[in-house]
Amino acid sequence: MEGRDEQAVTNFKGFLRIESITHQGPKGSYHQAIAFLKKLLDDEIGLTITEREYVAGKPVLIATWAGEEPSLPSLLLNSHYDVVPAVQR
């Protein structure tokens, strides 16, 4: 289990290195985050990946982990990675 914990920490640290301040990061930061997560979720974990772009330049990643019993209810986890800096007055 220790190896998996170390890998999880390494993955988390790698994701945190992506510039994520809304409207201040490099133009490709959304796409960098998507590329990072696609590699992790598809290549390493084996989830089904779908990418959509409802707003230009702001991709949405949908990762599906199919269960073994389709009659059971689904679970949706929703998140975002960017941060909005506080404005000091």
PDB file of N, CA and C in Angstrom:
ATOM      1  N   MET A   1       0.823  -1.199   0.000  1.00  0.00           N
ATOM      2  CA  MET A   1       0.000   0.000   0.000  1.00  0.00           C
ATOM      3  C   MET A   1       0.863   1.257   0.000  1.00  0.00           C
ATOM      4  N   GLU A   2       2.022   1.187   0.584  1.00  0.00           N
ATOM      5  CA  GLU A   2       2.881   2.367   0.669  1.00  0.00           C
ATOM      6  C   GLU A   2       3.225   2.901  -0.714  1.00  0.00           C
ATOM      7  N   GLY A   3       3.489   2.029  -1.680  1.00  0.00           N
ATOM      8  CA  GLY A   3       3.796   2.457  -3.038  1.00  0.00           C
ATOM      9  C   GLY A   3       2.645   3.222  -3.672  1.00  0.00           C
ATOM     10  N   ARG A   4       1.417   2.768  -3.434  1.00  0.00           N
ATOM     11  CA  ARG A   4       0.234   3.457  -3.970  1.00  0.00           C
ATOM     12  C   ARG A   4       0.069   4.814  -3.322  1.00  0.00           C
ATOM     13  N   ASP A   5       0.328   4.910  -2.017  1.00  0.00           N
ATOM     14  CA  ASP A   5       0.235   6.197  -1.323  1.00  0.00           C
ATOM     15  C   ASP A   5       1.262   7.174  -1.869  1.00  0.00           C
ATOM     16  N   GLU A   6       2.470   6.701  -2.077  1.00  0.00           N
ATOM     17  CA  GLU A   6       3.519   7.562  -2.626  1.00  0.00           C
ATOM     18  C   GLU A   6       3.160   8.031  -4.026  1.00  0.00           C
ATOM     19  N   GLN A   7       2.590   7.145  -4.838  1.00  0.00           N
ATOM     20  CA  GLN A   7       2.189   7.523  -6.195  1.00  0.00           C
ATOM     21  C   GLN A   7       1.063   8.550  -6.161  1.00  0.00           C
ATOM     22  N   ALA A   8       0.128   8.384  -5.231  1.00  0.00           N
ATOM     23  CA  ALA A   8      -0.969   9.345  -5.101  1.00  0.00           C
ATOM     24  C   ALA A   8      -0.430  10.724  -4.743  1.00  0.00           C
ATOM     25  N   VAL A   9       0.526  10.787  -3.836  1.00  0.00           N
ATOM     26  CA  VAL A   9       1.130  12.066  -3.447  1.00  0.00           C
ATOM     27  C   VAL A   9       1.888  12.666  -4.631  1.00  0.00           C
ATOM     28  N   THR A  10       2.627  11.853  -5.363  1.00  0.00           N
ATOM     29  CA  THR A  10       3.355  12.321  -6.544  1.00  0.00           C
ATOM     30  C   THR A  10       2.381  12.881  -7.583  1.00  0.00           C
ATOM     31  N   ASN A  11       1.280  12.172  -7.839  1.00  0.00           N
ATOM     32  CA  ASN A  11       0.276  12.652  -8.784  1.00  0.00           C
ATOM     33  C   ASN A  11      -0.338  13.971  -8.333  1.00  0.00           C
ATOM     34  N   PHE A  12      -0.665  14.066  -7.058  1.00  0.00           N
ATOM     35  CA  PHE A  12      -1.267  15.284  -6.513  1.00  0.00           C
ATOM     36  C   PHE A  12      -0.305  16.464  -6.646  1.00  0.00           C
ATOM     37  N   LYS A  13       0.954  16.245  -6.322  1.00  0.00           N
ATOM     38  CA  LYS A  13       1.953  17.310  -6.438  1.00  0.00           C
ATOM     39  C   LYS A  13       2.115  17.750  -7.896  1.00  0.00           C
ATOM     40  N   GLY A  14       2.092  16.788  -8.813  1.00  0.00           N
ATOM     41  CA  GLY A  14       2.193  17.124 -10.227  1.00  0.00           C
ATOM     42  C   GLY A  14       1.021  17.973 -10.692  1.00  0.00           C
ATOM     43  N   PHE A  15      -0.176  17.637 -10.220  1.00  0.00           N
ATOM     44  CA  PHE A  15      -1.359  18.405 -10.606  1.00  0.00           C
ATOM     45  C   PHE A  15      -1.314  19.815 -10.011  1.00  0.00           C
ATOM     46  N   LEU A  16      -0.831  19.927  -8.786  1.00  0.00           N
ATOM     47  CA  LEU A  16      -0.753  21.241  -8.136  1.00  0.00           C
ATOM     48  C   LEU A  16       0.230  22.184  -8.832  1.00  0.00           C
ATOM     49  N   ARG A  17       1.162  21.653  -9.582  1.00  0.00           N
ATOM     50  CA  ARG A  17       2.143  22.482 -10.286  1.00  0.00           C
ATOM     51  C   ARG A  17       1.554  23.206 -11.496  1.00  0.00           C
ATOM     52  N   ILE A  18       0.377  22.820 -11.913  1.00  0.00           N
ATOM     53  CA  ILE A  18      -0.264  23.458 -13.064  1.00  0.00           C
ATOM     54  C   ILE A  18      -0.841  24.798 -12.630  1.00  0.00           C
ATOM     55  N   GLU A  19      -0.486  25.862 -13.326  1.00  0.00           N
ATOM     56  CA  GLU A  19      -0.985  27.213 -13.030  1.00  0.00           C
ATOM     57  C   GLU A  19      -2.506  27.192 -13.101  1.00  0.00           C
ATOM     58  N   SER A  20      -3.158  27.613 -12.024  1.00  0.00           N
ATOM     59  CA  SER A  20      -4.615  27.466 -11.993  1.00  0.00           C
ATOM     60  C   SER A  20      -5.346  28.713 -11.499  1.00  0.00           C
ATOM     61  N   ILE A  21      -4.714  29.866 -11.560  1.00  0.00           N
ATOM     62  CA  ILE A  21      -5.384  31.091 -11.138  1.00  0.00           C
ATOM     63  C   ILE A  21      -6.224  31.589 -12.310  1.00  0.00           C
ATOM     64  N   THR A  22      -7.518  31.689 -12.094  1.00  0.00           N
ATOM     65  CA  THR A  22      -8.434  32.092 -13.154  1.00  0.00           C
ATOM     66  C   THR A  22      -7.993  33.396 -13.793  1.00  0.00           C
ATOM     67  N   HIS A  23      -7.927  33.404 -15.103  1.00  0.00           N
ATOM     68  CA  HIS A  23      -7.622  34.571 -15.934  1.00  0.00           C
ATOM     69  C   HIS A  23      -6.200  35.105 -15.765  1.00  0.00           C
ATOM     70  N   GLN A  24      -5.337  34.436 -14.986  1.00  0.00           N
ATOM     71  CA  GLN A  24      -3.965  34.908 -14.828  1.00  0.00           C
ATOM     72  C   GLN A  24      -2.935  33.882 -15.270  1.00  0.00           C
ATOM     73  N   GLY A  25      -3.342  32.654 -15.390  1.00  0.00           N
ATOM     74  CA  GLY A  25      -2.397  31.608 -15.752  1.00  0.00           C
ATOM     75  C   GLY A  25      -2.076  31.631 -17.231  1.00  0.00           C
ATOM     76  N   PRO A  26      -1.134  30.795 -17.637  1.00  0.00           N
ATOM     77  CA  PRO A  26      -0.838  30.706 -19.061  1.00  0.00           C
ATOM     78  C   PRO A  26      -2.070  30.220 -19.809  1.00  0.00           C
ATOM     79  N   LYS A  27      -2.184  30.631 -21.046  1.00  0.00           N
ATOM     80  CA  LYS A  27      -3.389  30.337 -21.820  1.00  0.00           C
ATOM     81  C   LYS A  27      -3.711  28.845 -21.871  1.00  0.00           C
ATOM     82  N   GLY A  28      -2.705  28.016 -21.821  1.00  0.00           N
ATOM     83  CA  GLY A  28      -2.923  26.581 -21.931  1.00  0.00           C
ATOM     84  C   GLY A  28      -3.168  25.869 -20.620  1.00  0.00           C
ATOM     85  N   SER A  29      -3.369  26.582 -19.514  1.00  0.00           N
ATOM     86  CA  SER A  29      -3.464  25.899 -18.223  1.00  0.00           C
ATOM     87  C   SER A  29      -4.661  24.963 -18.136  1.00  0.00           C
ATOM     88  N   TYR A  30      -5.801  25.335 -18.704  1.00  0.00           N
ATOM     89  CA  TYR A  30      -6.938  24.417 -18.702  1.00  0.00           C
ATOM     90  C   TYR A  30      -6.574  23.152 -19.471  1.00  0.00           C
ATOM     91  N   HIS A  31      -5.943  23.341 -20.619  1.00  0.00           N
ATOM     92  CA  HIS A  31      -5.576  22.199 -21.454  1.00  0.00           C
ATOM     93  C   HIS A  31      -4.461  21.367 -20.808  1.00  0.00           C
ATOM     94  N   GLN A  32      -3.579  22.009 -20.053  1.00  0.00           N
ATOM     95  CA  GLN A  32      -2.545  21.268 -19.325  1.00  0.00           C
ATOM     96  C   GLN A  32      -3.188  20.388 -18.258  1.00  0.00           C
ATOM     97  N   ALA A  33      -4.177  20.928 -17.566  1.00  0.00           N
ATOM     98  CA  ALA A  33      -4.866  20.152 -16.530  1.00  0.00           C
ATOM     99  C   ALA A  33      -5.601  18.965 -17.144  1.00  0.00           C
ATOM    100  N   ILE A  34      -6.278  19.209 -18.264  1.00  0.00           N
ATOM    101  CA  ILE A  34      -7.001  18.135 -18.941  1.00  0.00           C
ATOM    102  C   ILE A  34      -6.028  17.048 -19.404  1.00  0.00           C
ATOM    103  N   ALA A  35      -4.908  17.457 -19.997  1.00  0.00           N
ATOM    104  CA  ALA A  35      -3.913  16.483 -20.473  1.00  0.00           C
ATOM    105  C   ALA A  35      -3.377  15.652 -19.306  1.00  0.00           C
ATOM    106  N   PHE A  36      -3.088  16.291 -18.194  1.00  0.00           N
ATOM    107  CA  PHE A  36      -2.584  15.590 -17.009  1.00  0.00           C
ATOM    108  C   PHE A  36      -3.608  14.560 -16.528  1.00  0.00           C
ATOM    109  N   LEU A  37      -4.866  15.001 -16.386  1.00  0.00           N
ATOM    110  CA  LEU A  37      -5.899  14.106 -15.878  1.00  0.00           C
ATOM    111  C   LEU A  37      -6.223  12.990 -16.860  1.00  0.00           C
ATOM    112  N   LYS A  38      -6.231  13.300 -18.168  1.00  0.00           N
ATOM    113  CA  LYS A  38      -6.496  12.257 -19.161  1.00  0.00           C
ATOM    114  C   LYS A  38      -5.455  11.155 -19.080  1.00  0.00           C
ATOM    115  N   LYS A  39      -4.191  11.546 -18.955  1.00  0.00           N
ATOM    116  CA  LYS A  39      -3.121  10.547 -18.860  1.00  0.00           C
ATOM    117  C   LYS A  39      -3.315   9.677 -17.614  1.00  0.00           C
ATOM    118  N   LEU A  40      -3.593  10.316 -16.513  1.00  0.00           N
ATOM    119  CA  LEU A  40      -3.762   9.587 -15.261  1.00  0.00           C
ATOM    120  C   LEU A  40      -5.003   8.689 -15.294  1.00  0.00           C
ATOM    121  N   LEU A  41      -6.135   9.252 -15.675  1.00  0.00           N
ATOM    122  CA  LEU A  41      -7.397   8.515 -15.592  1.00  0.00           C
ATOM    123  C   LEU A  41      -7.548   7.467 -16.686  1.00  0.00           C
ATOM    124  N   ASP A  42      -7.069   7.773 -17.878  1.00  0.00           N
ATOM    125  CA  ASP A  42      -7.207   6.834 -18.990  1.00  0.00           C
ATOM    126  C   ASP A  42      -6.060   5.833 -19.006  1.00  0.00           C
ATOM    127  N   ASP A  43      -4.840   6.319 -19.116  1.00  0.00           N
ATOM    128  CA  ASP A  43      -3.676   5.445 -19.260  1.00  0.00           C
ATOM    129  C   ASP A  43      -3.385   4.618 -18.015  1.00  0.00           C
ATOM    130  N   GLU A  44      -3.477   5.241 -16.841  1.00  0.00           N
ATOM    131  CA  GLU A  44      -3.068   4.544 -15.624  1.00  0.00           C
ATOM    132  C   GLU A  44      -4.209   3.831 -14.906  1.00  0.00           C
ATOM    133  N   ILE A  45      -5.419   4.388 -14.951  1.00  0.00           N
ATOM    134  CA  ILE A  45      -6.530   3.792 -14.216  1.00  0.00           C
ATOM    135  C   ILE A  45      -7.478   3.042 -15.147  1.00  0.00           C
ATOM    136  N   GLY A  46      -7.575   3.494 -16.395  1.00  0.00           N
ATOM    137  CA  GLY A  46      -8.397   2.804 -17.365  1.00  0.00           C
ATOM    138  C   GLY A  46      -9.846   3.266 -17.446  1.00  0.00           C
ATOM    139  N   LEU A  47     -10.130   4.493 -17.020  1.00  0.00           N
ATOM    140  CA  LEU A  47     -11.488   5.012 -17.128  1.00  0.00           C
ATOM    141  C   LEU A  47     -11.767   5.469 -18.554  1.00  0.00           C
ATOM    142  N   THR A  48     -13.026   5.531 -18.917  1.00  0.00           N
ATOM    143  CA  THR A  48     -13.429   6.046 -20.220  1.00  0.00           C
ATOM    144  C   THR A  48     -13.474   7.569 -20.139  1.00  0.00           C
ATOM    145  N   ILE A  49     -12.814   8.227 -21.072  1.00  0.00           N
ATOM    146  CA  ILE A  49     -12.663   9.682 -21.031  1.00  0.00           C
ATOM    147  C   ILE A  49     -13.439  10.321 -22.180  1.00  0.00           C
ATOM    148  N   THR A  50     -14.162  11.394 -21.859  1.00  0.00           N
ATOM    149  CA  THR A  50     -14.832  12.226 -22.851  1.00  0.00           C
ATOM    150  C   THR A  50     -14.455  13.669 -22.554  1.00  0.00           C
ATOM    151  N   GLU A  51     -14.135  14.416 -23.595  1.00  0.00           N
ATOM    152  CA  GLU A  51     -13.787  15.831 -23.421  1.00  0.00           C
ATOM    153  C   GLU A  51     -14.791  16.674 -24.193  1.00  0.00           C
ATOM    154  N   ARG A  52     -15.312  17.695 -23.550  1.00  0.00           N
ATOM    155  CA  ARG A  52     -16.261  18.634 -24.168  1.00  0.00           C
ATOM    156  C   ARG A  52     -15.745  20.054 -23.949  1.00  0.00           C
ATOM    157  N   GLU A  53     -16.171  20.951 -24.815  1.00  0.00           N
ATOM    158  CA  GLU A  53     -15.795  22.357 -24.633  1.00  0.00           C
ATOM    159  C   GLU A  53     -17.038  23.208 -24.872  1.00  0.00           C
ATOM    160  N   TYR A  54     -17.783  23.460 -23.798  1.00  0.00           N
ATOM    161  CA  TYR A  54     -19.018  24.233 -23.871  1.00  0.00           C
ATOM    162  C   TYR A  54     -18.723  25.729 -23.969  1.00  0.00           C
ATOM    163  N   VAL A  55     -17.602  26.149 -23.380  1.00  0.00           N
ATOM    164  CA  VAL A  55     -17.123  27.524 -23.462  1.00  0.00           C
ATOM    165  C   VAL A  55     -15.750  27.466 -24.112  1.00  0.00           C
ATOM    166  N   ALA A  56     -15.542  28.278 -25.137  1.00  0.00           N
ATOM    167  CA  ALA A  56     -14.276  28.254 -25.869  1.00  0.00           C
ATOM    168  C   ALA A  56     -13.089  28.419 -24.932  1.00  0.00           C
ATOM    169  N   GLY A  57     -12.126  27.515 -25.055  1.00  0.00           N
ATOM    170  CA  GLY A  57     -10.907  27.580 -24.256  1.00  0.00           C
ATOM    171  C   GLY A  57     -11.026  27.015 -22.854  1.00  0.00           C
ATOM    172  N   LYS A  58     -12.202  26.493 -22.492  1.00  0.00           N
ATOM    173  CA  LYS A  58     -12.403  25.943 -21.149  1.00  0.00           C
ATOM    174  C   LYS A  58     -12.970  24.524 -21.263  1.00  0.00           C
ATOM    175  N   PRO A  59     -12.085  23.563 -21.490  1.00  0.00           N
ATOM    176  CA  PRO A  59     -12.549  22.187 -21.680  1.00  0.00           C
ATOM    177  C   PRO A  59     -13.085  21.566 -20.394  1.00  0.00           C
ATOM    178  N   VAL A  60     -13.982  20.628 -20.582  1.00  0.00           N
ATOM    179  CA  VAL A  60     -14.565  19.858 -19.482  1.00  0.00           C
ATOM    180  C   VAL A  60     -14.186  18.402 -19.714  1.00  0.00           C
ATOM    181  N   LEU A  61     -13.701  17.754 -18.682  1.00  0.00           N
ATOM    182  CA  LEU A  61     -13.313  16.353 -18.773  1.00  0.00           C
ATOM    183  C   LEU A  61     -14.340  15.508 -18.027  1.00  0.00           C
ATOM    184  N   ILE A  62     -14.839  14.488 -18.704  1.00  0.00           N
ATOM    185  CA  ILE A  62     -15.789  13.564 -18.093  1.00  0.00           C
ATOM    186  C   ILE A  62     -15.125  12.191 -18.076  1.00  0.00           C
ATOM    187  N   ALA A  63     -14.938  11.655 -16.883  1.00  0.00           N
ATOM    188  CA  ALA A  63     -14.326  10.339 -16.722  1.00  0.00           C
ATOM    189  C   ALA A  63     -15.401   9.381 -16.198  1.00  0.00           C
ATOM    190  N   THR A  64     -15.572   8.260 -16.884  1.00  0.00           N
ATOM    191  CA  THR A  64     -16.620   7.306 -16.524  1.00  0.00           C
ATOM    192  C   THR A  64     -15.988   5.994 -16.061  1.00  0.00           C
ATOM    193  N   TRP A  65     -16.423   5.559 -14.914  1.00  0.00           N
ATOM    194  CA  TRP A  65     -15.991   4.278 -14.371  1.00  0.00           C
ATOM    195  C   TRP A  65     -17.240   3.391 -14.338  1.00  0.00           C
ATOM    196  N   ALA A  66     -17.375   2.547 -15.329  1.00  0.00           N
ATOM    197  CA  ALA A  66     -18.575   1.715 -15.453  1.00  0.00           C
ATOM    198  C   ALA A  66     -18.603   0.656 -14.356  1.00  0.00           C
ATOM    199  N   GLY A  67     -19.760   0.515 -13.758  1.00  0.00           N
ATOM    200  CA  GLY A  67     -19.938  -0.504 -12.739  1.00  0.00           C
ATOM    201  C   GLY A  67     -20.318  -1.834 -13.356  1.00  0.00           C
ATOM    202  N   GLU A  68     -20.447  -2.826 -12.517  1.00  0.00           N
ATOM    203  CA  GLU A  68     -20.790  -4.164 -12.996  1.00  0.00           C
ATOM    204  C   GLU A  68     -22.291  -4.409 -13.004  1.00  0.00           C
ATOM    205  N   GLU A  69     -23.052  -3.549 -12.352  1.00  0.00           N
ATOM    206  CA  GLU A  69     -24.501  -3.730 -12.272  1.00  0.00           C
ATOM    207  C   GLU A  69     -25.204  -2.443 -12.716  1.00  0.00           C
ATOM    208  N   PRO A  70     -25.555  -2.348 -14.016  1.00  0.00           N
ATOM    209  CA  PRO A  70     -26.125  -1.112 -14.549  1.00  0.00           C
ATOM    210  C   PRO A  70     -27.470  -0.714 -13.948  1.00  0.00           C
ATOM    211  N   SER A  71     -28.148  -1.617 -13.276  1.00  0.00           N
ATOM    212  CA  SER A  71     -29.441  -1.266 -12.681  1.00  0.00           C
ATOM    213  C   SER A  71     -29.286  -0.442 -11.398  1.00  0.00           C
ATOM    214  N   LEU A  72     -28.092  -0.420 -10.836  1.00  0.00           N
ATOM    215  CA  LEU A  72     -27.864   0.363  -9.620  1.00  0.00           C
ATOM    216  C   LEU A  72     -27.750   1.851  -9.968  1.00  0.00           C
ATOM    217  N   PRO A  73     -28.064   2.735  -9.006  1.00  0.00           N
ATOM    218  CA  PRO A  73     -27.973   4.168  -9.279  1.00  0.00           C
ATOM    219  C   PRO A  73     -26.528   4.604  -9.525  1.00  0.00           C
ATOM    220  N   SER A  74     -26.404   5.707 -10.241  1.00  0.00           N
ATOM    221  CA  SER A  74     -25.084   6.273 -10.544  1.00  0.00           C
ATOM    222  C   SER A  74     -24.674   7.272  -9.482  1.00  0.00           C
ATOM    223  N   LEU A  75     -23.407   7.566  -9.460  1.00  0.00           N
ATOM    224  CA  LEU A  75     -22.848   8.570  -8.572  1.00  0.00           C
ATOM    225  C   LEU A  75     -22.090   9.570  -9.432  1.00  0.00           C
ATOM    226  N   LEU A  76     -22.353  10.855  -9.247  1.00  0.00           N
ATOM    227  CA  LEU A  76     -21.672  11.892 -10.000  1.00  0.00           C
ATOM    228  C   LEU A  76     -20.810  12.705  -9.044  1.00  0.00           C
ATOM    229  N   LEU A  77     -19.534  12.795  -9.333  1.00  0.00           N
ATOM    230  CA  LEU A  77     -18.619  13.646  -8.578  1.00  0.00           C
ATOM    231  C   LEU A  77     -18.231  14.794  -9.501  1.00  0.00           C
ATOM    232  N   ASN A  78     -18.358  16.011  -9.028  1.00  0.00           N
ATOM    233  CA  ASN A  78     -18.108  17.187  -9.841  1.00  0.00           C
ATOM    234  C   ASN A  78     -17.095  18.073  -9.130  1.00  0.00           C
ATOM    235  N   SER A  79     -16.148  18.596  -9.881  1.00  0.00           N
ATOM    236  CA  SER A  79     -15.123  19.426  -9.276  1.00  0.00           C
ATOM    237  C   SER A  79     -14.568  20.404 -10.295  1.00  0.00           C
ATOM    238  N   HIS A  80     -13.770  21.338  -9.823  1.00  0.00           N
ATOM    239  CA  HIS A  80     -13.032  22.241 -10.699  1.00  0.00           C
ATOM    240  C   HIS A  80     -11.661  22.445 -10.077  1.00  0.00           C
ATOM    241  N   TYR A  81     -10.712  22.882 -10.873  1.00  0.00           N
ATOM    242  CA  TYR A  81      -9.351  22.991 -10.353  1.00  0.00           C
ATOM    243  C   TYR A  81      -8.871  24.425 -10.212  1.00  0.00           C
ATOM    244  N   ASP A  82      -9.520  25.383 -10.848  1.00  0.00           N
ATOM    245  CA  ASP A  82      -8.995  26.748 -10.818  1.00  0.00           C
ATOM    246  C   ASP A  82      -9.386  27.464  -9.535  1.00  0.00           C
ATOM    247  N   VAL A  83      -8.624  28.491  -9.222  1.00  0.00           N
ATOM    248  CA  VAL A  83      -8.893  29.300  -8.038  1.00  0.00           C
ATOM    249  C   VAL A  83      -9.076  30.751  -8.474  1.00  0.00           C
ATOM    250  N   VAL A  84      -9.878  31.474  -7.731  1.00  0.00           N
ATOM    251  CA  VAL A  84     -10.090  32.893  -7.987  1.00  0.00           C
ATOM    252  C   VAL A  84      -9.425  33.637  -6.843  1.00  0.00           C
ATOM    253  N   PRO A  85      -8.429  34.480  -7.134  1.00  0.00           N
ATOM    254  CA  PRO A  85      -7.737  35.180  -6.057  1.00  0.00           C
ATOM    255  C   PRO A  85      -8.640  36.184  -5.362  1.00  0.00           C
ATOM    256  N   ALA A  86      -8.420  36.340  -4.071  1.00  0.00           N
ATOM    257  CA  ALA A  86      -9.173  37.334  -3.301  1.00  0.00           C
ATOM    258  C   ALA A  86      -8.671  38.730  -3.668  1.00  0.00           C
ATOM    259  N   VAL A  87      -9.584  39.659  -3.698  1.00  0.00           N
ATOM    260  CA  VAL A  87      -9.221  41.045  -3.988  1.00  0.00           C
ATOM    261  C   VAL A  87      -9.106  41.778  -2.663  1.00  0.00           C
ATOM    262  N   GLN A  88      -7.934  42.353  -2.427  1.00  0.00           N
ATOM    263  CA  GLN A  88      -7.726  43.113  -1.192  1.00  0.00           C
ATOM    264  C   GLN A  88      -8.182  44.538  -1.390  1.00  0.00           C
ATOM    265  N   ARG A  89      -8.859  45.052  -0.427  1.00  0.00           N
ATOM    266  CA  ARG A  89      -9.353  46.445  -0.508  1.00  0.00           C
ATOM    267  C   ARG A  89      -8.766  47.263   0.586  1.00  0.00           C
TER     268      ARG A  89
END
